[in-house]
Amino acid sequence: DEEAVRAAGRAFRVYASAGPRDEDGDYVVDHSVLLYLLAPDGLLHDYYGRGKSHQQVADSVRRHMRGYRP
């Protein structure tokens, strides 16, 4: 539900804000641009902003996968 989404956003420090509606009722949402790497147990292992290349993200994910211990 909507409150669960807000709670998750607060937990991960995500910024999101709906802009003004246009004449059709449409709007743009401004938000954080991050990818989060969660382990199967739900713990946050890493995050990636726009400054990371696809290769850096892939290398990090592989490194976390190799080192993961439940």
Protein backbone atom coordinates (compact mmCIF):
# COMPACT_ATOMS: atom_id res chain seq x y z
CA ASP A 1 0.00 0.00 0.00
CA GLU A 2 0.98 3.64 -0.21
CA GLU A 3 2.30 3.87 3.36
CA ALA A 4 4.50 0.78 2.87
CA VAL A 5 6.04 2.43 -0.19
CA ARG A 6 6.70 5.62 1.81
CA ALA A 7 8.24 3.59 4.65
CA ALA A 8 10.54 1.76 2.23
CA GLY A 9 11.55 5.10 0.71
CA ARG A 10 12.41 6.50 4.13
CA ALA A 11 14.38 3.37 5.04
CA PHE A 12 16.49 3.67 1.89
CA ARG A 13 16.64 7.48 2.00
CA VAL A 14 14.96 7.83 -1.36
CA TYR A 15 13.83 11.26 -2.50
CA ALA A 16 10.61 11.44 -4.53
CA SER A 17 8.32 14.34 -5.28
CA ALA A 18 5.42 14.67 -7.69
CA GLY A 19 5.49 17.80 -9.80
CA PRO A 20 2.50 19.92 -10.72
CA ARG A 21 -0.26 18.37 -12.79
CA ASP A 22 -0.81 19.56 -16.32
CA GLU A 23 -4.18 20.21 -17.96
CA ASP A 24 -4.61 16.45 -18.58
CA GLY A 25 -3.87 15.59 -14.94
CA ASP A 26 -0.47 14.10 -15.80
CA TYR A 27 2.62 14.88 -13.75
CA VAL A 28 6.35 14.17 -13.61
CA VAL A 29 7.98 12.57 -10.57
CA ASP A 30 11.40 13.81 -9.52
CA HIS A 31 13.27 11.07 -7.65
CA SER A 32 16.59 9.63 -6.58
CA VAL A 33 18.47 7.72 -9.25
CA LEU A 34 20.06 4.78 -7.45
CA LEU A 35 20.26 1.03 -7.81
CA TYR A 36 20.31 -1.03 -4.63
CA LEU A 37 21.92 -4.46 -4.28
CA LEU A 38 20.04 -6.51 -1.70
CA ALA A 39 21.12 -9.94 -0.52
CA PRO A 40 18.58 -12.78 -0.51
CA ASP A 41 18.08 -12.12 3.21
CA GLY A 42 17.01 -8.55 2.39
CA LEU A 43 20.12 -6.81 3.74
CA LEU A 44 21.56 -3.91 1.77
CA HIS A 45 24.97 -4.84 0.37
CA ASP A 46 25.71 -1.92 -1.94
CA TYR A 47 24.18 0.89 -3.93
CA TYR A 48 25.10 2.51 -7.21
CA GLY A 49 24.56 6.08 -8.37
CA ARG A 50 24.75 7.59 -11.81
CA GLY A 51 28.52 7.96 -11.49
CA LYS A 52 29.10 4.20 -11.75
CA SER A 53 29.59 2.62 -15.16
CA HIS A 54 27.76 -0.54 -16.12
CA GLN A 55 31.08 -2.39 -15.83
CA GLN A 56 31.67 -1.11 -12.28
CA VAL A 57 28.18 -2.19 -11.25
CA ALA A 58 28.60 -5.63 -12.85
CA ASP A 59 31.99 -6.12 -11.20
CA SER A 60 30.59 -5.15 -7.81
CA VAL A 61 27.61 -7.48 -8.13
CA ARG A 62 29.89 -10.37 -9.11
CA ARG A 63 32.19 -9.63 -6.17
CA HIS A 64 29.24 -9.59 -3.75
CA MET A 65 27.88 -12.81 -5.23
CA ARG A 66 31.21 -14.59 -4.82
CA GLY A 67 31.56 -13.44 -1.22
CA TYR A 68 27.96 -13.97 -0.12
CA ARG A 69 27.42 -16.30 2.82
CA PRO A 70 23.90 -16.76 4.20
